[in-house]
Amino acid sequence: MKHLAALIRTQWDRAGALGLVIVGLLALLLGWIGMSGAVLTYEQLPYILSGGLFGLSLIMVGTGLWLSADIRDEWRRIDRLEDRLMERGLGESDRDVRLPDTAEPAPRPTGPAQSVNAGSARRQSAVS
């Protein structure tokens, strides 16, 4: 029981996501059971609104919570990898994005891109 409590404490976001999905599925099931006993459409609408939409909403929020936990884990792994690279002296001292110097102009592409531009220039002069 201690292990379960420790697991829930460390993985609170996944435990919450699992709880939301289970409650959402239960709401869908109860809504379906209630709707199956109703014959007329206006009798089915409360079950669709309460069970169906509420259940789907809970499932979507639970899925989003689970995905955010996965993304957070990936960022932690990336941070650990960057820290290891820094320890070995292979990483950059700052973690900001470096932009290239604008002092020298960018190299001009050569090859097929120029022939495409030349062809469009010829077409424009022929149209004019």
N, C-alpha and C. Protein backbone atom coordinates (compact mmCIF):
# COMPACT_ATOMS: atom_id res chain seq x y z
N MET A 1 0.81 -1.18 0.00
CA MET A 1 0.00 0.00 0.00
C MET A 1 0.87 1.26 0.00
N LYS A 2 2.05 1.18 0.66
CA LYS A 2 2.95 2.32 0.68
C LYS A 2 3.45 2.62 -0.72
N HIS A 3 3.71 1.56 -1.48
CA HIS A 3 4.22 1.75 -2.83
C HIS A 3 3.17 2.42 -3.72
N LEU A 4 1.92 2.06 -3.54
CA LEU A 4 0.85 2.66 -4.33
C LEU A 4 0.71 4.14 -4.00
N ALA A 5 0.78 4.48 -2.71
CA ALA A 5 0.68 5.88 -2.30
C ALA A 5 1.87 6.68 -2.84
N ALA A 6 3.07 6.09 -2.79
CA ALA A 6 4.25 6.78 -3.32
C ALA A 6 4.16 6.93 -4.83
N LEU A 7 3.64 5.93 -5.50
CA LEU A 7 3.48 6.01 -6.95
C LEU A 7 2.48 7.09 -7.34
N ILE A 8 1.38 7.17 -6.61
CA ILE A 8 0.37 8.19 -6.89
C ILE A 8 0.94 9.58 -6.59
N ARG A 9 1.76 9.68 -5.53
CA ARG A 9 2.33 10.98 -5.20
C ARG A 9 3.34 11.44 -6.26
N THR A 10 4.11 10.54 -6.80
CA THR A 10 5.10 10.94 -7.81
C THR A 10 4.48 11.05 -9.20
N GLN A 11 3.47 10.26 -9.49
CA GLN A 11 2.83 10.28 -10.80
C GLN A 11 1.40 10.80 -10.67
N TRP A 12 1.23 11.93 -10.00
CA TRP A 12 -0.10 12.47 -9.74
C TRP A 12 -0.84 12.81 -11.03
N ASP A 13 -0.11 13.26 -12.03
CA ASP A 13 -0.79 13.65 -13.26
C ASP A 13 -1.31 12.43 -14.01
N ARG A 14 -0.55 11.36 -14.02
CA ARG A 14 -1.04 10.14 -14.67
C ARG A 14 -2.16 9.47 -13.88
N ALA A 15 -2.06 9.53 -12.56
CA ALA A 15 -3.13 8.97 -11.72
C ALA A 15 -4.42 9.76 -11.92
N GLY A 16 -4.30 11.08 -11.98
CA GLY A 16 -5.47 11.91 -12.24
C GLY A 16 -6.06 11.65 -13.62
N ALA A 17 -5.18 11.49 -14.61
CA ALA A 17 -5.65 11.21 -15.97
C ALA A 17 -6.38 9.87 -16.01
N LEU A 18 -5.83 8.87 -15.36
CA LEU A 18 -6.48 7.56 -15.34
C LEU A 18 -7.83 7.64 -14.63
N GLY A 19 -7.88 8.38 -13.52
CA GLY A 19 -9.15 8.53 -12.80
C GLY A 19 -10.19 9.24 -13.65
N LEU A 20 -9.77 10.31 -14.36
CA LEU A 20 -10.72 11.03 -15.22
C LEU A 20 -11.25 10.16 -16.35
N VAL A 21 -10.37 9.37 -16.96
CA VAL A 21 -10.80 8.51 -18.06
C VAL A 21 -11.76 7.43 -17.54
N ILE A 22 -11.46 6.87 -16.39
CA ILE A 22 -12.34 5.83 -15.83
C ILE A 22 -13.72 6.42 -15.49
N VAL A 23 -13.75 7.60 -14.86
CA VAL A 23 -15.03 8.23 -14.53
C VAL A 23 -15.77 8.61 -15.82
N GLY A 24 -15.05 9.07 -16.84
CA GLY A 24 -15.68 9.40 -18.12
C GLY A 24 -16.29 8.18 -18.78
N LEU A 25 -15.56 7.06 -18.76
CA LEU A 25 -16.12 5.83 -19.33
C LEU A 25 -17.34 5.36 -18.54
N LEU A 26 -17.28 5.52 -17.23
CA LEU A 26 -18.42 5.14 -16.40
C LEU A 26 -19.63 6.03 -16.70
N ALA A 27 -19.40 7.33 -16.90
CA ALA A 27 -20.50 8.23 -17.25
C ALA A 27 -21.09 7.86 -18.61
N LEU A 28 -20.22 7.50 -19.56
CA LEU A 28 -20.74 7.05 -20.86
C LEU A 28 -21.58 5.79 -20.73
N LEU A 29 -21.12 4.85 -19.92
CA LEU A 29 -21.86 3.60 -19.72
C LEU A 29 -23.20 3.85 -19.05
N LEU A 30 -23.21 4.67 -18.01
CA LEU A 30 -24.47 4.96 -17.33
C LEU A 30 -25.43 5.73 -18.23
N GLY A 31 -24.90 6.64 -19.04
CA GLY A 31 -25.74 7.36 -19.98
C GLY A 31 -26.33 6.44 -21.03
N TRP A 32 -25.53 5.49 -21.49
CA TRP A 32 -26.03 4.54 -22.48
C TRP A 32 -27.09 3.62 -21.87
N ILE A 33 -26.85 3.18 -20.64
CA ILE A 33 -27.84 2.31 -19.99
C ILE A 33 -29.16 3.07 -19.79
N GLY A 34 -29.06 4.34 -19.35
CA GLY A 34 -30.27 5.13 -19.16
C GLY A 34 -30.98 5.41 -20.47
N MET A 35 -30.22 5.67 -21.52
CA MET A 35 -30.81 5.99 -22.81
C MET A 35 -31.44 4.75 -23.45
N SER A 36 -30.88 3.59 -23.18
CA SER A 36 -31.43 2.39 -23.82
C SER A 36 -32.83 2.06 -23.31
N GLY A 37 -33.17 2.52 -22.13
CA GLY A 37 -34.51 2.27 -21.59
C GLY A 37 -35.54 3.26 -22.08
N ALA A 38 -35.09 4.36 -22.68
CA ALA A 38 -36.03 5.39 -23.16
C ALA A 38 -36.35 5.13 -24.62
N VAL A 39 -37.60 5.29 -24.98
CA VAL A 39 -38.05 5.03 -26.35
C VAL A 39 -38.11 6.32 -27.16
N LEU A 40 -38.63 7.35 -26.56
CA LEU A 40 -38.83 8.61 -27.28
C LEU A 40 -37.56 9.46 -27.24
N THR A 41 -37.38 10.24 -28.29
CA THR A 41 -36.16 11.04 -28.43
C THR A 41 -36.02 12.06 -27.32
N TYR A 42 -37.10 12.73 -26.97
CA TYR A 42 -36.99 13.75 -25.93
C TYR A 42 -36.67 13.14 -24.57
N GLU A 43 -36.92 11.85 -24.40
CA GLU A 43 -36.54 11.17 -23.16
C GLU A 43 -35.06 10.78 -23.17
N GLN A 44 -34.48 10.65 -24.36
CA GLN A 44 -33.08 10.25 -24.49
C GLN A 44 -32.12 11.43 -24.36
N LEU A 45 -32.58 12.63 -24.67
CA LEU A 45 -31.71 13.81 -24.66
C LEU A 45 -31.01 14.06 -23.33
N PRO A 46 -31.68 13.96 -22.17
CA PRO A 46 -30.95 14.19 -20.91
C PRO A 46 -29.80 13.19 -20.71
N TYR A 47 -29.99 11.97 -21.15
CA TYR A 47 -28.93 10.98 -20.99
C TYR A 47 -27.75 11.28 -21.93
N ILE A 48 -28.07 11.75 -23.14
CA ILE A 48 -27.01 12.10 -24.08
C ILE A 48 -26.21 13.28 -23.53
N LEU A 49 -26.92 14.29 -23.01
CA LEU A 49 -26.24 15.48 -22.50
C LEU A 49 -25.45 15.18 -21.23
N SER A 50 -26.08 14.51 -20.29
CA SER A 50 -25.40 14.30 -19.01
C SER A 50 -24.35 13.20 -19.12
N GLY A 51 -24.71 12.07 -19.64
CA GLY A 51 -23.76 10.96 -19.69
C GLY A 51 -22.77 11.08 -20.84
N GLY A 52 -23.28 11.36 -22.03
CA GLY A 52 -22.43 11.35 -23.21
C GLY A 52 -21.45 12.50 -23.26
N LEU A 53 -21.96 13.73 -23.17
CA LEU A 53 -21.07 14.88 -23.28
C LEU A 53 -20.15 15.02 -22.07
N PHE A 54 -20.68 14.76 -20.89
CA PHE A 54 -19.86 14.82 -19.69
C PHE A 54 -18.78 13.74 -19.72
N GLY A 55 -19.14 12.54 -20.14
CA GLY A 55 -18.17 11.46 -20.22
C GLY A 55 -17.08 11.73 -21.25
N LEU A 56 -17.47 12.22 -22.42
CA LEU A 56 -16.47 12.55 -23.43
C LEU A 56 -15.56 13.68 -22.98
N SER A 57 -16.11 14.66 -22.28
CA SER A 57 -15.29 15.77 -21.77
C SER A 57 -14.26 15.27 -20.77
N LEU A 58 -14.68 14.41 -19.87
CA LEU A 58 -13.73 13.85 -18.90
C LEU A 58 -12.65 13.03 -19.58
N ILE A 59 -13.02 12.26 -20.58
CA ILE A 59 -12.03 11.45 -21.30
C ILE A 59 -11.03 12.36 -22.02
N MET A 60 -11.50 13.43 -22.61
CA MET A 60 -10.58 14.34 -23.32
C MET A 60 -9.64 15.05 -22.35
N VAL A 61 -10.14 15.50 -21.22
CA VAL A 61 -9.28 16.16 -20.24
C VAL A 61 -8.27 15.17 -19.68
N GLY A 62 -8.69 13.95 -19.41
CA GLY A 62 -7.77 12.93 -18.93
C GLY A 62 -6.69 12.60 -19.94
N THR A 63 -7.06 12.54 -21.22
CA THR A 63 -6.07 12.28 -22.27
C THR A 63 -5.08 13.43 -22.37
N GLY A 64 -5.57 14.66 -22.28
CA GLY A 64 -4.67 15.81 -22.31
C GLY A 64 -3.72 15.82 -21.13
N LEU A 65 -4.20 15.45 -19.96
CA LEU A 65 -3.35 15.39 -18.78
C LEU A 65 -2.28 14.32 -18.93
N TRP A 66 -2.64 13.18 -19.50
CA TRP A 66 -1.67 12.11 -19.71
C TRP A 66 -0.60 12.54 -20.72
N LEU A 67 -1.01 13.19 -21.80
CA LEU A 67 -0.06 13.65 -22.80
C LEU A 67 0.87 14.72 -22.25
N SER A 68 0.35 15.61 -21.42
CA SER A 68 1.21 16.63 -20.83
C SER A 68 2.24 16.00 -19.89
N ALA A 69 1.88 14.92 -19.22
CA ALA A 69 2.83 14.21 -18.37
C ALA A 69 3.93 13.59 -19.22
N ASP A 70 3.56 13.03 -20.36
CA ASP A 70 4.57 12.45 -21.26
C ASP A 70 5.52 13.52 -21.79
N ILE A 71 4.98 14.67 -22.15
CA ILE A 71 5.82 15.75 -22.66
C ILE A 71 6.76 16.25 -21.57
N ARG A 72 6.26 16.36 -20.35
CA ARG A 72 7.10 16.79 -19.23
C ARG A 72 8.24 15.80 -19.00
N ASP A 73 7.96 14.51 -19.11
CA ASP A 73 9.02 13.50 -18.97
C ASP A 73 10.07 13.64 -20.05
N GLU A 74 9.64 13.92 -21.28
CA GLU A 74 10.60 14.09 -22.37
C GLU A 74 11.49 15.31 -22.13
N TRP A 75 10.93 16.39 -21.62
CA TRP A 75 11.74 17.57 -21.32
C TRP A 75 12.74 17.28 -20.22
N ARG A 76 12.35 16.49 -19.24
CA ARG A 76 13.30 16.11 -18.18
C ARG A 76 14.45 15.30 -18.76
N ARG A 77 14.16 14.39 -19.67
CA ARG A 77 15.22 13.59 -20.30
C ARG A 77 16.15 14.47 -21.12
N ILE A 78 15.58 15.42 -21.84
CA ILE A 78 16.41 16.33 -22.63
C ILE A 78 17.29 17.17 -21.72
N ASP A 79 16.74 17.64 -20.60
CA ASP A 79 17.55 18.43 -19.66
C ASP A 79 18.69 17.60 -19.07
N ARG A 80 18.43 16.34 -18.75
CA ARG A 80 19.50 15.48 -18.24
C ARG A 80 20.57 15.25 -19.29
N LEU A 81 20.15 15.07 -20.53
CA LEU A 81 21.12 14.89 -21.61
C LEU A 81 21.97 16.15 -21.80
N GLU A 82 21.35 17.32 -21.75
CA GLU A 82 22.11 18.57 -21.86
C GLU A 82 23.08 18.73 -20.70
N ASP A 83 22.65 18.34 -19.50
CA ASP A 83 23.54 18.44 -18.34
C ASP A 83 24.75 17.52 -18.50
N ARG A 84 24.53 16.31 -19.01
CA ARG A 84 25.66 15.40 -19.26
C ARG A 84 26.61 15.95 -20.31
N LEU A 85 26.05 16.54 -21.35
CA LEU A 85 26.90 17.13 -22.37
C LEU A 85 27.71 18.29 -21.80
N MET A 86 27.11 19.07 -20.93
CA MET A 86 27.83 20.17 -20.31
C MET A 86 28.95 19.67 -19.40
N GLU A 87 28.70 18.56 -18.68
CA GLU A 87 29.73 17.99 -17.82
C GLU A 87 30.93 17.53 -18.64
N ARG A 88 30.69 17.00 -19.80
CA ARG A 88 31.78 16.51 -20.66
C ARG A 88 32.38 17.61 -21.52
N GLY A 89 31.81 18.78 -21.45
CA GLY A 89 32.35 19.90 -22.22
C GLY A 89 31.96 19.88 -23.68
N LEU A 90 30.93 19.14 -24.02
CA LEU A 90 30.50 19.05 -25.41
C LEU A 90 29.36 19.98 -25.74
N GLY A 91 28.75 20.58 -24.75
CA GLY A 91 27.61 21.44 -25.00
C GLY A 91 27.99 22.91 -24.96
N GLU A 92 27.07 23.74 -25.32
CA GLU A 92 27.29 25.18 -25.27
C GLU A 92 26.98 25.67 -23.87
N SER A 93 27.62 26.76 -23.47
CA SER A 93 27.43 27.26 -22.10
C SER A 93 26.05 27.87 -21.91
N ASP A 94 25.49 28.45 -22.96
CA ASP A 94 24.15 29.00 -22.84
C ASP A 94 23.18 28.13 -23.63
N ARG A 95 21.95 28.11 -23.21
CA ARG A 95 20.96 27.25 -23.85
C ARG A 95 20.07 28.03 -24.81
N ASP A 96 20.46 29.26 -25.13
CA ASP A 96 19.67 30.05 -26.05
C ASP A 96 19.98 29.67 -27.48
N VAL A 97 19.08 29.99 -28.34
CA VAL A 97 19.27 29.74 -29.76
C VAL A 97 20.23 30.79 -30.30
N ARG A 98 21.21 30.33 -31.06
CA ARG A 98 22.17 31.27 -31.65
C ARG A 98 21.79 31.54 -33.09
N LEU A 99 21.72 32.81 -33.42
CA LEU A 99 21.44 33.23 -34.78
C LEU A 99 22.77 33.50 -35.48
N PRO A 100 22.87 33.21 -36.76
CA PRO A 100 24.12 33.47 -37.47
C PRO A 100 24.37 34.97 -37.57
N ASP A 101 25.65 35.33 -37.67
CA ASP A 101 26.00 36.74 -37.84
C ASP A 101 25.44 37.24 -39.16
N THR A 102 24.97 38.48 -39.15
CA THR A 102 24.42 39.06 -40.37
C THR A 102 25.44 39.89 -41.11
N ALA A 103 26.71 39.87 -40.64
CA ALA A 103 27.74 40.69 -41.28
C ALA A 103 28.01 40.22 -42.70
N GLU A 104 28.02 38.94 -42.92
CA GLU A 104 28.27 38.46 -44.28
C GLU A 104 26.95 37.99 -44.89
N PRO A 105 26.75 38.25 -46.16
CA PRO A 105 25.48 37.86 -46.78
C PRO A 105 25.36 36.34 -46.91
N ALA A 106 24.15 35.90 -46.96
CA ALA A 106 23.89 34.47 -47.13
C ALA A 106 24.34 34.04 -48.51
N PRO A 107 24.86 32.82 -48.64
CA PRO A 107 25.30 32.36 -49.96
C PRO A 107 24.10 32.21 -50.89
N ARG A 108 24.32 32.56 -52.13
CA ARG A 108 23.26 32.45 -53.14
C ARG A 108 23.18 31.01 -53.62
N PRO A 109 21.99 30.48 -53.73
CA PRO A 109 21.86 29.10 -54.22
C PRO A 109 22.24 29.01 -55.69
N THR A 110 22.84 27.89 -56.01
CA THR A 110 23.18 27.63 -57.41
C THR A 110 22.51 26.35 -57.82
N GLY A 111 22.26 26.21 -59.08
CA GLY A 111 21.67 24.97 -59.57
C GLY A 111 20.27 25.18 -60.07
N PRO A 112 19.39 24.19 -59.84
CA PRO A 112 18.06 24.22 -60.42
C PRO A 112 17.20 25.39 -59.98
N ALA A 113 17.43 25.93 -58.80
CA ALA A 113 16.59 27.03 -58.33
C ALA A 113 16.75 28.26 -59.22
N GLN A 114 17.97 28.49 -59.70
CA GLN A 114 18.18 29.65 -60.57
C GLN A 114 17.51 29.45 -61.91
N SER A 115 17.53 28.23 -62.43
CA SER A 115 16.90 28.02 -63.72
C SER A 115 15.38 28.17 -63.62
N VAL A 116 14.81 27.83 -62.49
CA VAL A 116 13.38 28.02 -62.30
C VAL A 116 13.06 29.51 -62.28
N ASN A 117 13.86 30.30 -61.56
CA ASN A 117 13.65 31.74 -61.52
C ASN A 117 13.84 32.37 -62.90
N ALA A 118 14.82 31.89 -63.64
CA ALA A 118 15.06 32.44 -64.98
C ALA A 118 13.88 32.12 -65.88
N GLY A 119 13.32 30.93 -65.75
CA GLY A 119 12.17 30.55 -66.57
C GLY A 119 10.96 31.40 -66.26
N SER A 120 10.74 31.70 -64.97
CA SER A 120 9.59 32.54 -64.62
C SER A 120 9.81 33.97 -65.10
N ALA A 121 11.07 34.45 -65.12
CA ALA A 121 11.34 35.79 -65.63
C ALA A 121 11.07 35.84 -67.13
N ARG A 122 11.43 34.76 -67.86
CA ARG A 122 11.16 34.72 -69.29
C ARG A 122 9.66 34.72 -69.57
N ARG A 123 8.89 33.98 -68.74
CA ARG A 123 7.46 33.94 -68.91
C ARG A 123 6.84 35.31 -68.66
N GLN A 124 7.32 36.02 -67.66
CA GLN A 124 6.79 37.34 -67.35
C GLN A 124 7.08 38.32 -68.48
N SER A 125 8.30 38.24 -69.07
CA SER A 125 8.63 39.17 -70.17
C SER A 125 7.82 38.83 -71.41
N ALA A 126 7.49 37.55 -71.62
CA ALA A 126 6.70 37.17 -72.78
C ALA A 126 5.26 37.66 -72.61
N VAL A 127 4.75 37.68 -71.38
CA VAL A 127 3.38 38.11 -71.13
C VAL A 127 3.27 39.63 -71.29
N SER A 128 4.30 40.36 -70.88
CA SER A 128 4.26 41.83 -70.93
C SER A 128 4.31 42.39 -72.29
